[in-house]
Amino acid sequence: MPLLTLLTDFGLQDIYVGVMKGAIAHINPALTVIDLTHQIPPQDVVAARFNLLTAVPYFPDGTVHVAVVDPGVGGSRQAIAIQFQQGFLVGPNNGIFSGVLERYSPIAAVELTQSRYWRTPNPSRTFHGRDVFATVGAHVASGVPLFELGEAIALETLVNLPLPLCEDQDGAIAGCIQYIDHFGNLITNVPAERVEGANWSVELGFDSIPKTATYADAPLGGLLSLIGSHGWLEIAVNGGSAQAQLQVTIGHPLQVRLQ
């Protein structure tokens, strides 16, 4: 039976995650449910996009990923399910899936209009994670075909988050910060394969940040750049926070100088 994963910004202080799992168990208590994270910063769809993108490759084909970071809940944004090469995605059509779909081609998508697959035909206007997405995900993981969930929608209508592209530029690679983890490491949108076998330094503002193989290769408190376990070039501080030291945010531009 396929796995079902959950990714939200609900935190763990309140009951929100627990009742989502209760809704899932009501549909199929035999499902294996894996928490990716519930500590996405509130309403931060860009951070959710990155975390889902980096998690998907570690799951077997057919896994159902329910992702709910949904500042537009109760509004006009669509509730959707997507079949893609590796499995299924269930959540709001707000760009949260755009990182995954840049790496893996979507096959089909539907708007979730069939209320018989919801927890209730009158869902809360503020908690679609419990009343729509969790139960739809459970039904998909239990074998319900995608097109029973609602009306097909064109793949080009799936929302894409407009992060700057990673581009070649005069002997360098122009990119940006796409995520900041809880250590304060700055994860860029430059993938490992773009710099494989090369020496580099990262230019960010007035700083030139050298390449290292590990965090410990820089002096304590020193800036460094390396390929992180997620497969992206990142900027870090040995024993500290690059975000605190450099005072940058998601989307900040940078250049990777190849030598």
Protein backbone atom coordinates (compact mmCIF):
# COMPACT_ATOMS: atom_id res chain seq x y z
CA MET A 1 0.00 0.00 0.00
CA PRO A 2 1.41 3.45 -0.90
CA LEU A 3 2.84 5.76 1.73
CA LEU A 4 1.23 9.09 2.59
CA THR A 5 3.38 12.05 3.67
CA LEU A 6 2.35 15.28 5.38
CA LEU A 7 4.01 18.70 5.13
CA THR A 8 2.41 21.75 6.79
CA ASP A 9 3.04 25.01 8.61
CA PHE A 10 0.74 23.94 11.47
CA GLY A 11 3.46 23.46 14.09
CA LEU A 12 3.17 20.91 16.88
CA GLN A 13 1.74 23.00 19.72
CA ASP A 14 -1.87 22.68 18.57
CA ILE A 15 -4.04 19.72 17.58
CA TYR A 16 -4.10 20.50 13.85
CA VAL A 17 -1.67 17.78 12.75
CA GLY A 18 -3.24 15.21 15.04
CA VAL A 19 -6.74 15.73 13.72
CA MET A 20 -5.49 15.54 10.13
CA LYS A 21 -4.13 12.11 11.00
CA GLY A 22 -7.44 11.26 12.62
CA ALA A 23 -9.25 12.16 9.39
CA ILE A 24 -6.83 9.95 7.46
CA ALA A 25 -7.32 7.04 9.87
CA HIS A 26 -11.09 7.37 9.52
CA ILE A 27 -10.66 6.61 5.78
CA ASN A 28 -7.96 3.93 6.10
CA PRO A 29 -6.28 3.19 9.46
CA ALA A 30 -3.84 0.81 7.74
CA LEU A 31 -2.06 3.62 5.85
CA THR A 32 1.52 4.47 6.80
CA VAL A 33 1.69 8.24 7.38
CA ILE A 34 5.09 9.97 7.48
CA ASP A 35 5.57 13.53 8.74
CA LEU A 36 7.99 15.45 6.52
CA THR A 37 7.75 18.57 8.65
CA HIS A 38 5.10 20.72 10.31
CA GLN A 39 7.54 23.55 11.09
CA ILE A 40 7.39 25.46 7.81
CA PRO A 41 7.26 29.16 8.75
CA PRO A 42 3.61 30.32 8.73
CA GLN A 43 2.29 30.98 5.20
CA ASP A 44 5.79 30.50 3.68
CA VAL A 45 4.90 28.72 0.44
CA VAL A 46 8.43 29.21 -0.93
CA ALA A 47 9.95 27.32 2.01
CA ALA A 48 7.32 24.59 1.63
CA ARG A 49 8.14 24.30 -2.07
CA PHE A 50 11.82 23.72 -1.31
CA ASN A 51 11.24 21.18 1.45
CA LEU A 52 8.83 19.13 -0.64
CA LEU A 53 11.16 19.26 -3.64
CA THR A 54 14.08 17.89 -1.64
CA ALA A 55 11.99 15.21 0.13
CA VAL A 56 10.24 13.59 -2.84
CA PRO A 57 13.27 11.70 -4.27
CA TYR A 58 13.62 9.65 -1.06
CA PHE A 59 10.18 8.03 -1.32
CA PRO A 60 9.08 5.06 -3.42
CA ASP A 61 7.00 5.46 -6.54
CA GLY A 62 3.31 5.81 -5.80
CA THR A 63 3.75 7.82 -2.59
CA VAL A 64 1.00 10.39 -1.95
CA HIS A 65 2.33 13.74 -0.71
CA VAL A 66 -0.18 15.98 1.07
CA ALA A 67 1.24 19.49 1.45
CA VAL A 68 -0.73 22.26 3.17
CA VAL A 69 0.76 25.73 3.46
CA ASP A 70 -2.30 27.63 2.41
CA PRO A 71 -2.59 31.39 3.00
CA GLY A 72 -5.48 31.44 0.49
CA VAL A 73 -7.63 28.87 2.32
CA GLY A 74 -11.31 29.67 1.96
CA GLY A 75 -10.65 31.98 -0.98
CA SER A 76 -10.61 31.48 -4.73
CA ARG A 77 -7.51 29.29 -5.01
CA GLN A 78 -8.16 25.76 -6.25
CA ALA A 79 -7.83 22.58 -4.20
CA ILE A 80 -6.06 20.09 -6.46
CA ALA A 81 -4.55 16.65 -6.83
CA ILE A 82 -1.77 15.92 -9.33
CA GLN A 83 -0.43 12.66 -10.68
CA PHE A 84 3.24 12.95 -11.58
CA GLN A 85 6.01 10.52 -12.51
CA GLN A 86 6.74 9.42 -8.94
CA GLY A 87 3.30 9.49 -7.33
CA PHE A 88 0.66 12.02 -6.32
CA LEU A 89 0.49 15.53 -4.86
CA VAL A 90 -2.53 16.85 -2.94
CA GLY A 91 -2.96 20.41 -1.70
CA PRO A 92 -3.67 24.00 -2.76
CA ASN A 93 -2.86 25.30 -6.23
CA ASN A 94 -0.59 28.09 -4.96
CA GLY A 95 2.85 27.06 -6.24
CA ILE A 96 3.70 24.71 -3.39
CA PHE A 97 4.22 21.88 -5.92
CA SER A 98 6.14 23.89 -8.53
CA GLY A 99 9.59 22.74 -7.40
CA VAL A 100 8.62 19.08 -7.65
CA LEU A 101 7.05 19.63 -11.07
CA GLU A 102 10.19 21.33 -12.39
CA ARG A 103 12.04 18.08 -11.69
CA TYR A 104 9.32 15.52 -12.44
CA SER A 105 6.80 15.89 -15.24
CA PRO A 106 3.12 16.09 -14.26
CA ILE A 107 0.82 13.59 -15.92
CA ALA A 108 -2.63 14.93 -15.01
CA ALA A 109 -4.31 17.23 -12.50
CA VAL A 110 -7.84 17.65 -11.16
CA GLU A 111 -9.67 20.20 -9.06
CA LEU A 112 -11.11 18.51 -5.96
CA THR A 113 -14.81 19.06 -6.60
CA GLN A 114 -16.22 15.66 -5.57
CA SER A 115 -17.24 16.23 -1.96
CA ARG A 116 -17.86 12.52 -1.29
CA TYR A 117 -14.09 12.23 -0.91
CA TRP A 118 -13.93 15.05 1.66
CA ARG A 119 -14.38 14.58 5.39
CA THR A 120 -17.61 16.58 5.16
CA PRO A 121 -19.51 18.19 2.27
CA ASN A 122 -19.38 21.45 4.26
CA PRO A 123 -15.68 21.85 5.07
CA SER A 124 -14.36 24.49 7.41
CA ARG A 125 -13.37 27.60 5.47
CA THR A 126 -10.16 27.76 7.52
CA PHE A 127 -9.09 24.09 7.71
CA HIS A 128 -9.08 22.39 4.32
CA GLY A 129 -6.04 20.43 5.50
CA ARG A 130 -8.32 18.38 7.73
CA ASP A 131 -11.59 18.46 5.79
CA VAL A 132 -10.38 18.13 2.19
CA PHE A 133 -6.69 17.44 1.64
CA ALA A 134 -6.08 14.81 4.33
CA THR A 135 -9.08 12.71 3.38
CA VAL A 136 -8.50 13.05 -0.37
CA GLY A 137 -4.89 11.98 0.17
CA ALA A 138 -6.09 8.95 2.13
CA HIS A 139 -8.50 8.00 -0.64
CA VAL A 140 -5.77 8.32 -3.30
CA ALA A 141 -3.36 6.22 -1.22
CA SER A 142 -6.15 3.64 -0.87
CA GLY A 143 -6.55 3.36 -4.64
CA VAL A 144 -9.20 5.88 -5.72
CA PRO A 145 -8.40 6.96 -9.32
CA LEU A 146 -7.42 10.58 -9.84
CA PHE A 147 -10.32 11.46 -12.14
CA GLU A 148 -12.93 10.36 -9.61
CA LEU A 149 -11.81 13.23 -7.36
CA GLY A 150 -13.00 16.05 -9.59
CA GLU A 151 -12.75 17.82 -12.91
CA ALA A 152 -9.55 17.70 -14.97
CA ILE A 153 -7.63 20.97 -15.18
CA ALA A 154 -5.02 22.00 -17.72
CA LEU A 155 -1.44 21.44 -16.55
CA GLU A 156 -0.49 24.95 -17.62
CA THR A 157 -2.89 26.35 -14.99
CA LEU A 158 -0.78 24.89 -12.14
CA VAL A 159 0.69 27.86 -10.28
CA ASN A 160 4.45 28.33 -10.51
CA LEU A 161 6.35 30.34 -7.88
CA PRO A 162 8.47 32.96 -9.64
CA LEU A 163 11.92 32.31 -8.15
CA PRO A 164 14.79 33.77 -10.23
CA LEU A 165 16.37 31.28 -12.59
CA CYS A 166 19.86 29.84 -12.18
CA GLU A 167 21.64 31.15 -15.31
CA ASP A 168 25.12 31.25 -16.86
CA GLN A 169 26.48 34.79 -16.90
CA ASP A 170 29.97 35.89 -18.05
CA GLY A 171 31.98 33.02 -16.58
CA ALA A 172 29.77 32.76 -13.55
CA ILE A 173 26.42 31.31 -12.51
CA ALA A 174 23.80 33.82 -11.41
CA GLY A 175 21.43 32.44 -8.80
CA CYS A 176 19.65 33.30 -5.58
CA ILE A 177 18.87 32.09 -2.07
CA GLN A 178 15.90 29.74 -2.26
CA TYR A 179 15.70 28.55 1.36
CA ILE A 180 17.16 29.22 4.82
CA ASP A 181 17.24 26.26 7.18
CA HIS A 182 17.00 26.42 10.98
CA PHE A 183 20.82 26.45 11.28
CA GLY A 184 20.85 29.68 9.26
CA ASN A 185 22.43 27.96 6.25
CA LEU A 186 21.58 29.71 2.98
CA ILE A 187 20.50 27.19 0.35
CA THR A 188 20.97 28.51 -3.17
CA ASN A 189 19.16 27.48 -6.34
CA VAL A 190 22.46 26.32 -7.91
CA PRO A 191 22.36 22.52 -8.20
CA ALA A 192 25.44 20.40 -7.55
CA GLU A 193 25.69 19.26 -11.17
CA ARG A 194 26.21 22.87 -12.34
CA VAL A 195 29.51 23.11 -10.42
CA GLU A 196 30.59 19.47 -10.37
CA GLY A 197 34.38 19.13 -10.74
CA ALA A 198 34.98 22.89 -10.59
CA ASN A 199 36.53 25.22 -8.08
CA TRP A 200 34.35 28.17 -7.19
CA SER A 201 33.74 31.08 -4.90
CA VAL A 202 30.39 32.68 -4.15
CA GLU A 203 29.99 36.43 -4.44
CA LEU A 204 27.18 37.74 -2.27
CA GLY A 205 27.16 41.47 -1.77
CA PHE A 206 30.68 42.50 -0.80
CA ASP A 207 31.63 39.03 0.41
CA SER A 208 33.60 36.44 -1.56
CA ILE A 209 32.91 33.07 0.02
CA PRO A 210 35.34 30.20 -0.65
CA LYS A 211 34.50 26.61 -1.54
CA THR A 212 35.03 23.92 1.10
CA ALA A 213 34.24 20.20 1.31
CA THR A 214 32.89 20.31 4.88
CA TYR A 215 31.76 22.88 7.45
CA ALA A 216 34.87 22.23 9.53
CA ASP A 217 37.18 23.20 6.66
CA ALA A 218 36.58 26.89 7.43
CA PRO A 219 37.84 28.62 10.58
CA LEU A 220 35.35 28.78 13.44
CA GLY A 221 32.98 31.63 12.61
CA GLY A 222 34.19 31.72 9.01
CA LEU A 223 31.98 31.82 5.92
CA LEU A 224 32.09 28.87 3.52
CA SER A 225 30.22 27.39 0.57
CA LEU A 226 29.72 23.72 -0.16
CA ILE A 227 27.33 21.19 -1.62
CA GLY A 228 24.81 20.24 1.04
CA SER A 229 23.16 16.88 1.57
CA HIS A 230 20.12 18.16 -0.38
CA GLY A 231 22.21 18.49 -3.56
CA TRP A 232 22.31 22.31 -3.76
CA LEU A 233 25.17 24.73 -3.24
CA GLU A 234 24.80 26.36 0.17
CA ILE A 235 26.46 29.12 2.15
CA ALA A 236 27.18 28.49 5.81
CA VAL A 237 29.24 29.62 8.79
CA ASN A 238 31.34 27.13 10.73
CA GLY A 239 29.69 27.08 14.14
CA GLY A 240 27.29 29.91 13.35
CA SER A 241 24.47 31.26 11.19
CA ALA A 242 25.14 32.60 7.70
CA GLN A 243 21.73 34.25 7.70
CA ALA A 244 22.50 36.17 10.88
CA GLN A 245 25.95 37.15 9.68
CA LEU A 246 24.98 38.21 6.16
CA GLN A 247 21.44 39.49 6.87
CA VAL A 248 19.94 38.20 3.63
CA THR A 249 16.53 36.70 2.85
CA ILE A 250 15.02 34.28 0.34
CA GLY A 251 15.39 35.59 -3.21
CA HIS A 252 18.63 37.47 -2.54
CA PRO A 253 20.83 37.33 -5.68
CA LEU A 254 24.34 35.91 -5.82
CA GLN A 255 27.01 34.81 -8.27
CA VAL A 256 29.07 31.62 -8.28
CA ARG A 257 32.47 32.36 -9.86
CA LEU A 258 33.93 29.28 -11.56
CA GLN A 259 37.74 29.04 -11.58
